[in-house]
């Protein structure tokens, strides 16, 4: 899937990705496989996979598009 960074909570190491379908998906810095959490910016395009967690959908294998 692809989407864009909607919100970052830098001090806690997580954020939310807005999917192309308009839904938000949680991600944690540990789910980033290419790039660095500190390099992310709101509005930046990313690709990712979605997995189910105990708290709902979560992004994994997050990659910055064009990196």
C-alpha atoms as a PDB file:
ATOM      1  CA  UNK A   1       0.000   0.000   0.000  1.00  0.00           C
ATOM      2  CA  UNK A   2       0.964   3.618  -0.289  1.00  0.00           C
ATOM      3  CA  UNK A   3      -0.018   6.632   1.748  1.00  0.00           C
ATOM      4  CA  UNK A   4       1.369   9.743   3.384  1.00  0.00           C
ATOM      5  CA  UNK A   5       2.475  10.620   6.889  1.00  0.00           C
ATOM      6  CA  UNK A   6      -0.465  12.333   8.610  1.00  0.00           C
ATOM      7  CA  UNK A   7       0.880  12.753  12.129  1.00  0.00           C
ATOM      8  CA  UNK A   8       4.165  12.160  13.982  1.00  0.00           C
ATOM      9  CA  UNK A   9       4.612  11.880  17.727  1.00  0.00           C
ATOM     10  CA  UNK A  10       8.380  12.314  17.791  1.00  0.00           C
ATOM     11  CA  UNK A  11       8.962  11.955  21.524  1.00  0.00           C
ATOM     12  CA  UNK A  12       7.065   8.629  21.591  1.00  0.00           C
ATOM     13  CA  UNK A  13       8.363   7.209  18.281  1.00  0.00           C
ATOM     14  CA  UNK A  14       5.096   6.593  16.475  1.00  0.00           C
ATOM     15  CA  UNK A  15       2.699   8.179  14.054  1.00  0.00           C
ATOM     16  CA  UNK A  16      -0.149   7.658  11.644  1.00  0.00           C
ATOM     17  CA  UNK A  17      -0.211   7.110   7.896  1.00  0.00           C
ATOM     18  CA  UNK A  18      -3.192   8.257   5.822  1.00  0.00           C
ATOM     19  CA  UNK A  19      -3.914   5.567   3.223  1.00  0.00           C
ATOM     20  CA  UNK A  20      -4.992   6.359  -0.311  1.00  0.00           C
ATOM     21  CA  UNK A  21      -8.462   5.197   0.768  1.00  0.00           C
ATOM     22  CA  UNK A  22      -8.566   7.870   3.474  1.00  0.00           C
ATOM     23  CA  UNK A  23      -8.113   5.652   6.532  1.00  0.00           C
ATOM     24  CA  UNK A  24      -5.405   6.174   9.153  1.00  0.00           C
ATOM     25  CA  UNK A  25      -3.007   3.374  10.087  1.00  0.00           C
ATOM     26  CA  UNK A  26      -0.788   3.424  13.172  1.00  0.00           C
ATOM     27  CA  UNK A  27       2.962   2.839  12.778  1.00  0.00           C
ATOM     28  CA  UNK A  28       5.849   2.573  15.218  1.00  0.00           C
ATOM     29  CA  UNK A  29       9.462   3.490  14.502  1.00  0.00           C
ATOM     30  CA  UNK A  30      10.343  -0.241  14.720  1.00  0.00           C
ATOM     31  CA  UNK A  31       8.208  -0.819  11.590  1.00  0.00           C
ATOM     32  CA  UNK A  32      10.449   1.342   9.379  1.00  0.00           C
ATOM     33  CA  UNK A  33      12.759  -0.760   7.196  1.00  0.00           C
ATOM     34  CA  UNK A  34      14.207   1.877   4.878  1.00  0.00           C
ATOM     35  CA  UNK A  35      14.888   5.342   6.143  1.00  0.00           C
ATOM     36  CA  UNK A  36      14.865   6.666   9.670  1.00  0.00           C
ATOM     37  CA  UNK A  37      11.992   7.832  11.882  1.00  0.00           C
ATOM     38  CA  UNK A  38      13.794  11.124  12.484  1.00  0.00           C
ATOM     39  CA  UNK A  39      13.845  11.786   8.705  1.00  0.00           C
ATOM     40  CA  UNK A  40      10.057  11.508   8.315  1.00  0.00           C
ATOM     41  CA  UNK A  41       7.943  14.591   7.731  1.00  0.00           C
ATOM     42  CA  UNK A  42       4.191  15.142   7.723  1.00  0.00           C
ATOM     43  CA  UNK A  43       2.912  14.821   4.143  1.00  0.00           C
ATOM     44  CA  UNK A  44       5.769  12.559   3.045  1.00  0.00           C
ATOM     45  CA  UNK A  45       4.800   9.580   0.874  1.00  0.00           C
ATOM     46  CA  UNK A  46       5.534   6.086   2.134  1.00  0.00           C
ATOM     47  CA  UNK A  47       4.828   2.496   1.134  1.00  0.00           C
ATOM     48  CA  UNK A  48       3.936  -0.123   3.725  1.00  0.00           C
ATOM     49  CA  UNK A  49       2.127  -3.350   4.533  1.00  0.00           C
ATOM     50  CA  UNK A  50      -0.728  -3.630   7.031  1.00  0.00           C
ATOM     51  CA  UNK A  51      -0.895  -6.267   9.748  1.00  0.00           C
ATOM     52  CA  UNK A  52      -3.471  -6.815  12.475  1.00  0.00           C
ATOM     53  CA  UNK A  53      -2.320  -6.237  16.026  1.00  0.00           C
ATOM     54  CA  UNK A  54      -4.099  -6.486  19.369  1.00  0.00           C
ATOM     55  CA  UNK A  55      -5.007  -2.792  19.004  1.00  0.00           C
ATOM     56  CA  UNK A  56      -6.084  -2.854  15.366  1.00  0.00           C
ATOM     57  CA  UNK A  57      -4.366  -2.315  11.996  1.00  0.00           C
ATOM     58  CA  UNK A  58      -0.665  -1.438  12.108  1.00  0.00           C
ATOM     59  CA  UNK A  59       1.799  -0.569   9.350  1.00  0.00           C
ATOM     60  CA  UNK A  60       4.994  -2.573   8.949  1.00  0.00           C
ATOM     61  CA  UNK A  61       7.810  -2.573   6.390  1.00  0.00           C
ATOM     62  CA  UNK A  62       7.425   1.203   6.059  1.00  0.00           C
ATOM     63  CA  UNK A  63       9.609   2.673   3.320  1.00  0.00           C
ATOM     64  CA  UNK A  64       9.976   6.268   2.217  1.00  0.00           C
ATOM     65  CA  UNK A  65       8.833   6.478  -1.413  1.00  0.00           C
ATOM     66  CA  UNK A  66      11.662   7.681  -3.617  1.00  0.00           C
ATOM     67  CA  UNK A  67      14.372   6.962  -1.025  1.00  0.00           C
END
